[in-house]
Amino acid sequence: MNWTVFQPWRLWAGVAALVCVVGGMHPGAASAQDGDRIRDHLYAVHLLPSDQAWAVGSFGAIYHSKDRGKQWEKQDGGVIEPLYGVRFVDDKEGWVSGKSGLILHTADGGSKWEKQVSGTTHHLFNITFLDKQRGLAVGDYGTILQTSDGGKTWQDRSPGEDVFLYAVVMHESGKAWISGERGTVLLSEDGGATWHKQETGTEATLLGLTFVDDNLGCTVGMDGTILQSGDGGKTWKPYESPVQTAIYNVTIDGQTGWAVGDEGVILNSSDGGKNWSLVEAPEELSLYWMMGVSIVPGSAHGLITGSHGLVLMTEANKVDFEARFKKK
């Protein structure tokens, strides 16, 4: 997975035979531990304060947990395309984005999923919503979509940048940020209607992005790249990363931060993203990559997801490895 340009859908095509053989399409209950363990690659996860969570991944996989990731039930999204992004605004209403412009919506917690018309055939790598109306989705070839009616209609807000866009964040203030290929960071101050490119000082592909508030932000990417901003994304400074492997995603809430990536890399911050350290992990974790990471705002609880159904629970600044990698 150490590609110069990160292309998630190639994972889906490349592991098709493997997932079918090991039973990645089995319906019903699954767990993060032994037994009927999830086999699908999990590209994204979203954990809510109610302890409900959704994870999405290869072959249209959608999994729902009611107990903060201990047990999972597979939901039927009615698609087989890989799904890259997931966002819920409450226990009932959520959206998923995926390959070839796919957007799915549920209003009943995932019992029923319906396709929305995105107006694009470009892959949508990330999706986010502030509430039941306002949302953004981003993808390849500079694709930016905006909705103000819960996805009933999507408007093309692409600024003409022919780069792949991988992460998007929205705030109630109207500020929004996007990161992507060739060191791209885009800033909007009107809720995503217009976008302006910011100078980052790097050509590295930026795969993950988070903002603690309207000022403090962090973006991560290929070759262990970590950039930090203290002025709302207008300027960025490099942080001396403890790794050189790809970092695929990052999230910060309060003083707790997690960044996850290739070859079992997990980074933790205990000071709001100012400093990052490599988490000591079981040797087996190096066989996995991780893309999904979510923290409940104002809570110590979090989830990390990745390849071959990997699910790890976090508590404050600790990762529970024992549930997945039990000591022999």
Protein backbone atom coordinates (compact mmCIF):
# COMPACT_ATOMS: atom_id res chain seq x y z
CA MET A 1 0.00 0.00 0.00
CA ASN A 2 2.97 2.33 -0.23
CA TRP A 3 1.76 3.89 -3.48
CA THR A 4 2.89 7.26 -4.73
CA VAL A 5 -0.75 8.07 -5.38
CA PHE A 6 -3.21 6.39 -3.04
CA GLN A 7 -6.05 4.74 -4.96
CA PRO A 8 -8.45 2.97 -2.56
CA TRP A 9 -10.65 1.30 -5.18
CA ARG A 10 -7.68 -0.78 -6.36
CA LEU A 11 -7.73 -2.47 -2.96
CA TRP A 12 -11.27 -3.61 -3.70
CA ALA A 13 -10.32 -5.11 -7.05
CA GLY A 14 -7.07 -6.63 -5.83
CA VAL A 15 -8.51 -8.53 -2.89
CA ALA A 16 -11.74 -9.73 -4.51
CA ALA A 17 -10.77 -13.41 -4.64
CA LEU A 18 -9.40 -13.41 -1.09
CA VAL A 19 -12.50 -11.87 0.48
CA CYS A 20 -14.84 -14.24 -1.36
CA VAL A 21 -12.83 -17.27 -0.24
CA VAL A 22 -12.75 -16.31 3.44
CA GLY A 23 -16.44 -15.43 3.50
CA GLY A 24 -16.46 -11.65 3.55
CA MET A 25 -20.05 -11.61 2.33
CA HIS A 26 -21.53 -13.71 5.16
CA PRO A 27 -24.62 -12.00 6.60
CA GLY A 28 -25.61 -11.85 10.24
CA ALA A 29 -23.70 -11.15 13.40
CA ALA A 30 -19.95 -10.70 13.53
CA SER A 31 -17.45 -9.63 16.15
CA ALA A 32 -14.14 -7.89 16.50
CA GLN A 33 -12.87 -10.98 18.30
CA ASP A 34 -12.81 -14.67 17.40
CA GLY A 35 -15.67 -16.65 15.90
CA ASP A 36 -17.65 -14.99 13.12
CA ARG A 37 -15.08 -12.27 12.70
CA ILE A 38 -15.58 -9.61 10.03
CA ARG A 39 -13.52 -10.39 6.93
CA ASP A 40 -14.26 -7.36 4.77
CA HIS A 41 -11.75 -4.54 4.55
CA LEU A 42 -13.16 -1.62 6.55
CA TYR A 43 -12.29 1.76 5.03
CA ALA A 44 -14.21 4.05 7.39
CA VAL A 45 -16.01 4.08 10.73
CA HIS A 46 -18.22 6.51 12.66
CA LEU A 47 -18.95 6.15 16.38
CA LEU A 48 -21.81 8.05 18.07
CA PRO A 49 -22.32 9.07 21.73
CA SER A 50 -25.06 6.43 22.00
CA ASP A 51 -22.36 3.75 21.48
CA GLN A 52 -23.82 2.96 18.07
CA ALA A 53 -21.30 2.74 15.24
CA TRP A 54 -21.21 2.06 11.53
CA ALA A 55 -18.26 0.76 9.52
CA VAL A 56 -18.10 0.46 5.72
CA GLY A 57 -15.75 -1.22 3.29
CA SER A 58 -15.21 -3.69 0.47
CA PHE A 59 -18.02 -5.28 -1.55
CA GLY A 60 -20.60 -2.79 -0.32
CA ALA A 61 -20.06 -3.88 3.28
CA ILE A 62 -21.99 -1.96 5.93
CA TYR A 63 -21.73 -3.06 9.56
CA HIS A 64 -23.67 -1.69 12.53
CA SER A 65 -22.76 -1.99 16.22
CA LYS A 66 -24.90 -1.12 19.21
CA ASP A 67 -22.19 -1.68 21.81
CA ARG A 68 -19.28 0.51 20.73
CA GLY A 69 -17.79 -2.05 18.37
CA LYS A 70 -17.86 -5.27 20.37
CA GLN A 71 -20.48 -6.94 18.19
CA TRP A 72 -21.47 -6.08 14.62
CA GLU A 73 -24.50 -6.81 12.48
CA LYS A 74 -24.18 -6.66 8.71
CA GLN A 75 -26.67 -4.38 6.96
CA ASP A 76 -27.87 -4.68 3.38
CA GLY A 77 -27.01 -1.61 1.36
CA GLY A 78 -28.08 -3.26 -1.86
CA VAL A 79 -24.73 -2.64 -3.58
CA ILE A 80 -21.46 -4.48 -4.14
CA GLU A 81 -19.28 -1.45 -4.86
CA PRO A 82 -16.62 -0.55 -2.27
CA LEU A 83 -17.74 2.07 0.24
CA TYR A 84 -15.19 4.64 1.41
CA GLY A 85 -16.94 7.11 3.72
CA VAL A 86 -19.67 7.05 6.38
CA ARG A 87 -21.33 9.76 8.46
CA PHE A 88 -24.32 9.73 10.83
CA VAL A 89 -25.88 12.80 12.42
CA ASP A 90 -27.91 10.76 14.93
CA ASP A 91 -28.89 7.14 15.62
CA LYS A 92 -31.18 7.05 12.58
CA GLU A 93 -29.93 9.27 9.80
CA GLY A 94 -26.69 8.68 7.93
CA TRP A 95 -24.92 8.63 4.58
CA VAL A 96 -22.30 6.48 2.90
CA SER A 97 -20.14 7.34 -0.13
CA GLY A 98 -18.33 5.03 -2.49
CA LYS A 99 -17.16 3.99 -5.92
CA SER A 100 -18.40 5.67 -9.12
CA GLY A 101 -20.33 8.48 -7.41
CA LEU A 102 -22.31 6.20 -5.13
CA ILE A 103 -24.12 7.83 -2.19
CA LEU A 104 -26.44 5.84 0.08
CA HIS A 105 -28.80 7.34 2.67
CA THR A 106 -30.73 5.86 5.57
CA ALA A 107 -33.35 7.42 7.82
CA ASP A 108 -33.91 4.38 10.03
CA GLY A 109 -30.46 3.43 11.33
CA GLY A 110 -29.57 1.33 8.32
CA SER A 111 -32.52 -1.05 8.17
CA LYS A 112 -33.12 0.40 4.72
CA TRP A 113 -30.61 2.16 2.48
CA GLU A 114 -31.52 4.15 -0.63
CA LYS A 115 -29.33 5.54 -3.39
CA GLN A 116 -29.13 9.29 -3.86
CA VAL A 117 -28.37 10.93 -7.20
CA SER A 118 -24.91 12.44 -6.84
CA GLY A 119 -24.60 13.63 -10.42
CA THR A 120 -21.09 12.20 -10.81
CA THR A 121 -19.44 8.92 -11.72
CA HIS A 122 -16.23 9.85 -9.91
CA HIS A 123 -15.28 7.89 -6.81
CA LEU A 124 -16.31 9.64 -3.58
CA PHE A 125 -13.69 8.94 -0.92
CA ASN A 126 -15.19 10.91 1.96
CA ILE A 127 -18.51 12.35 3.08
CA THR A 128 -19.54 14.52 6.04
CA PHE A 129 -22.69 16.16 7.37
CA LEU A 130 -23.27 18.89 9.95
CA ASP A 131 -26.95 18.06 10.39
CA LYS A 132 -29.78 16.42 8.46
CA GLN A 133 -29.50 18.98 5.67
CA ARG A 134 -25.95 20.24 5.14
CA GLY A 135 -23.29 17.93 3.76
CA LEU A 136 -20.19 17.63 1.58
CA ALA A 137 -18.62 14.78 -0.37
CA VAL A 138 -15.22 14.69 -2.09
CA GLY A 139 -13.44 12.39 -4.51
CA ASP A 140 -11.20 11.92 -7.49
CA TYR A 141 -10.49 14.46 -10.24
CA GLY A 142 -11.19 17.36 -7.88
CA THR A 143 -14.80 16.36 -7.21
CA ILE A 144 -16.58 18.37 -4.50
CA LEU A 145 -20.32 17.96 -3.96
CA GLN A 146 -22.49 20.03 -1.64
CA THR A 147 -26.05 19.49 -0.42
CA SER A 148 -28.37 21.66 1.64
CA ASP A 149 -31.37 19.30 1.55
CA GLY A 150 -30.02 16.08 3.03
CA GLY A 151 -28.73 14.77 -0.26
CA LYS A 152 -31.97 14.97 -2.24
CA THR A 153 -29.93 17.14 -4.58
CA TRP A 154 -26.17 17.58 -4.83
CA GLN A 155 -24.42 20.60 -6.36
CA ASP A 156 -21.03 20.42 -8.02
CA ARG A 157 -18.65 22.79 -6.21
CA SER A 158 -15.45 21.51 -7.83
CA PRO A 159 -12.98 24.40 -8.22
CA GLY A 160 -11.25 22.94 -11.26
CA GLU A 161 -8.28 21.38 -9.46
CA ASP A 162 -7.50 18.09 -11.24
CA VAL A 163 -6.36 16.30 -8.09
CA PHE A 164 -7.76 13.46 -6.02
CA LEU A 165 -9.41 14.69 -2.82
CA TYR A 166 -9.52 12.33 0.16
CA ALA A 167 -10.76 14.09 3.29
CA VAL A 168 -13.32 16.75 4.20
CA VAL A 169 -14.26 18.50 7.46
CA MET A 170 -17.14 20.93 8.14
CA HIS A 171 -17.77 23.25 11.09
CA GLU A 172 -20.87 25.14 12.22
CA SER A 173 -19.01 28.41 11.69
CA GLY A 174 -19.22 27.86 7.94
CA LYS A 175 -15.59 26.90 7.64
CA ALA A 176 -14.73 23.70 5.79
CA TRP A 177 -11.49 22.06 4.71
CA ILE A 178 -10.43 19.44 2.17
CA SER A 179 -7.11 17.64 1.72
CA GLY A 180 -5.77 15.61 -1.16
CA GLU A 181 -3.17 14.82 -3.76
CA ARG A 182 0.01 16.91 -4.36
CA GLY A 183 -0.15 18.62 -0.99
CA THR A 184 -3.58 20.07 -1.64
CA VAL A 185 -5.53 21.79 1.14
CA LEU A 186 -8.67 23.71 0.19
CA LEU A 187 -10.43 26.15 2.52
CA SER A 188 -14.04 27.34 2.39
CA GLU A 189 -15.53 30.02 4.60
CA ASP A 190 -19.07 29.78 3.25
CA GLY A 191 -20.02 26.22 4.08
CA GLY A 192 -18.48 24.71 0.99
CA ALA A 193 -19.96 26.87 -1.78
CA THR A 194 -16.56 28.28 -2.79
CA TRP A 195 -13.03 26.98 -2.23
CA HIS A 196 -9.55 28.49 -2.09
CA LYS A 197 -6.27 26.60 -2.27
CA GLN A 198 -3.85 27.08 0.63
CA GLU A 199 -0.05 26.80 0.59
CA THR A 200 1.16 23.70 2.43
CA GLY A 201 4.82 23.54 1.41
CA THR A 202 4.60 19.87 0.43
CA GLU A 203 3.85 17.76 -2.64
CA ALA A 204 2.92 14.72 -0.52
CA THR A 205 -0.56 13.27 -0.94
CA LEU A 206 -2.60 14.28 2.11
CA LEU A 207 -5.05 11.51 3.02
CA GLY A 208 -6.48 12.44 6.43
CA LEU A 209 -7.61 15.74 7.94
CA THR A 210 -9.05 17.02 11.20
CA PHE A 211 -9.75 20.36 12.88
CA VAL A 212 -10.15 20.61 16.64
CA ASP A 213 -11.76 24.04 16.28
CA ASP A 214 -11.75 26.77 13.65
CA ASN A 215 -8.02 27.32 14.12
CA LEU A 216 -6.15 24.17 15.14
CA GLY A 217 -5.88 21.54 12.41
CA CYS A 218 -3.79 18.57 11.37
CA THR A 219 -3.43 16.72 8.07
CA VAL A 220 -1.52 13.48 7.39
CA GLY A 221 -0.45 11.52 4.35
CA MET A 222 2.11 9.58 2.39
CA ASP A 223 5.65 8.97 3.69
CA GLY A 224 4.58 9.72 7.26
CA THR A 225 3.69 13.33 6.46
CA ILE A 226 2.16 15.33 9.32
CA LEU A 227 1.29 19.01 8.89
CA GLN A 228 -0.16 21.32 11.53
CA SER A 229 -2.06 24.59 11.30
CA GLY A 230 -2.89 27.11 14.00
CA ASP A 231 -4.68 29.69 11.85
CA GLY A 232 -7.59 27.81 10.36
CA GLY A 233 -5.65 26.13 7.58
CA LYS A 234 -4.25 29.27 5.96
CA THR A 235 -0.68 28.25 6.75
CA TRP A 236 0.85 24.86 7.58
CA LYS A 237 4.01 23.70 9.31
CA PRO A 238 5.59 20.23 9.04
CA TYR A 239 5.85 18.10 12.15
CA GLU A 240 8.76 15.68 12.51
CA SER A 241 6.92 12.41 12.08
CA PRO A 242 7.98 9.32 14.06
CA VAL A 243 7.28 7.14 10.98
CA GLN A 244 7.92 7.16 7.23
CA THR A 245 5.07 4.86 6.27
CA ALA A 246 1.79 6.20 4.88
CA ILE A 247 -0.65 7.69 7.41
CA TYR A 248 -4.20 7.38 6.12
CA ASN A 249 -6.38 9.13 8.66
CA VAL A 250 -6.33 11.35 11.73
CA THR A 251 -8.80 12.59 14.35
CA ILE A 252 -8.44 14.79 17.43
CA ASP A 253 -10.93 15.48 20.20
CA GLY A 254 -9.87 17.59 23.14
CA GLN A 255 -6.43 16.41 24.18
CA THR A 256 -6.72 12.98 22.57
CA GLY A 257 -5.61 12.32 19.01
CA TRP A 258 -5.21 9.23 16.85
CA ALA A 259 -3.55 8.80 13.46
CA VAL A 260 -3.56 5.46 11.65
CA GLY A 261 -1.84 4.08 8.58
CA ASP A 262 0.03 1.37 6.76
CA GLU A 263 1.95 -1.56 8.25
CA GLY A 264 0.17 -1.39 11.61
CA VAL A 265 1.07 2.23 12.33
CA ILE A 266 -0.92 3.90 15.09
CA LEU A 267 0.12 7.31 16.41
CA ASN A 268 -1.25 8.90 19.57
CA SER A 269 -1.34 12.46 20.84
CA SER A 270 -2.17 13.40 24.42
CA ASP A 271 -1.85 17.16 23.94
CA GLY A 272 -4.42 17.98 21.30
CA GLY A 273 -2.28 17.07 18.30
CA LYS A 274 0.78 19.15 19.15
CA ASN A 275 2.97 16.06 19.54
CA TRP A 276 2.64 12.50 18.23
CA SER A 277 4.20 9.23 19.35
CA LEU A 278 4.17 5.72 17.88
CA VAL A 279 1.97 3.31 19.82
CA GLU A 280 3.63 0.06 20.86
CA ALA A 281 1.55 -2.70 19.30
CA PRO A 282 1.58 -6.48 18.79
CA GLU A 283 3.87 -7.64 16.01
CA GLU A 284 0.89 -9.09 14.12
CA LEU A 285 -0.55 -5.61 13.61
CA SER A 286 2.19 -4.86 11.06
CA LEU A 287 0.28 -7.13 8.64
CA TYR A 288 -2.68 -4.75 8.67
CA TRP A 289 -3.40 -1.28 7.36
CA MET A 290 -5.91 1.04 9.03
CA MET A 291 -8.01 3.79 7.47
CA GLY A 292 -10.99 4.26 9.77
CA VAL A 293 -10.74 6.20 13.02
CA SER A 294 -13.45 7.88 15.08
CA ILE A 295 -13.71 9.45 18.54
CA VAL A 296 -16.96 10.40 20.25
CA PRO A 297 -16.71 14.16 20.95
CA GLY A 298 -16.21 14.84 24.64
CA SER A 299 -15.75 11.15 25.36
CA ALA A 300 -12.80 8.84 25.91
CA HIS A 301 -14.24 6.26 23.52
CA GLY A 302 -13.02 5.59 19.99
CA LEU A 303 -12.74 3.02 17.21
CA ILE A 304 -10.10 2.13 14.62
CA THR A 305 -10.85 -0.04 11.57
CA GLY A 306 -8.77 -1.51 8.78
CA SER A 307 -7.91 -4.46 6.58
CA HIS A 308 -9.41 -7.94 6.97
CA GLY A 309 -12.13 -6.73 9.32
CA LEU A 310 -9.77 -5.20 11.86
CA VAL A 311 -11.61 -3.37 14.65
CA LEU A 312 -9.76 -1.90 17.62
CA MET A 313 -11.38 -0.04 20.52
CA THR A 314 -9.68 2.94 22.12
CA GLU A 315 -10.17 4.40 25.58
CA ALA A 316 -8.57 7.77 26.30
CA ASN A 317 -4.99 7.28 25.04
CA LYS A 318 -4.99 3.48 25.14
CA VAL A 319 -5.73 0.89 22.46
CA ASP A 320 -7.32 -2.45 23.34
CA PHE A 321 -5.25 -4.96 21.37
CA GLU A 322 -6.12 -8.01 23.46
CA ALA A 323 -9.61 -8.47 22.00
CA ARG A 324 -8.09 -9.00 18.55
CA PHE A 325 -4.58 -10.24 19.31
CA LYS A 326 -4.95 -12.45 22.33
CA LYS A 327 -1.72 -13.46 24.02
CA LYS A 328 -0.77 -17.09 23.50
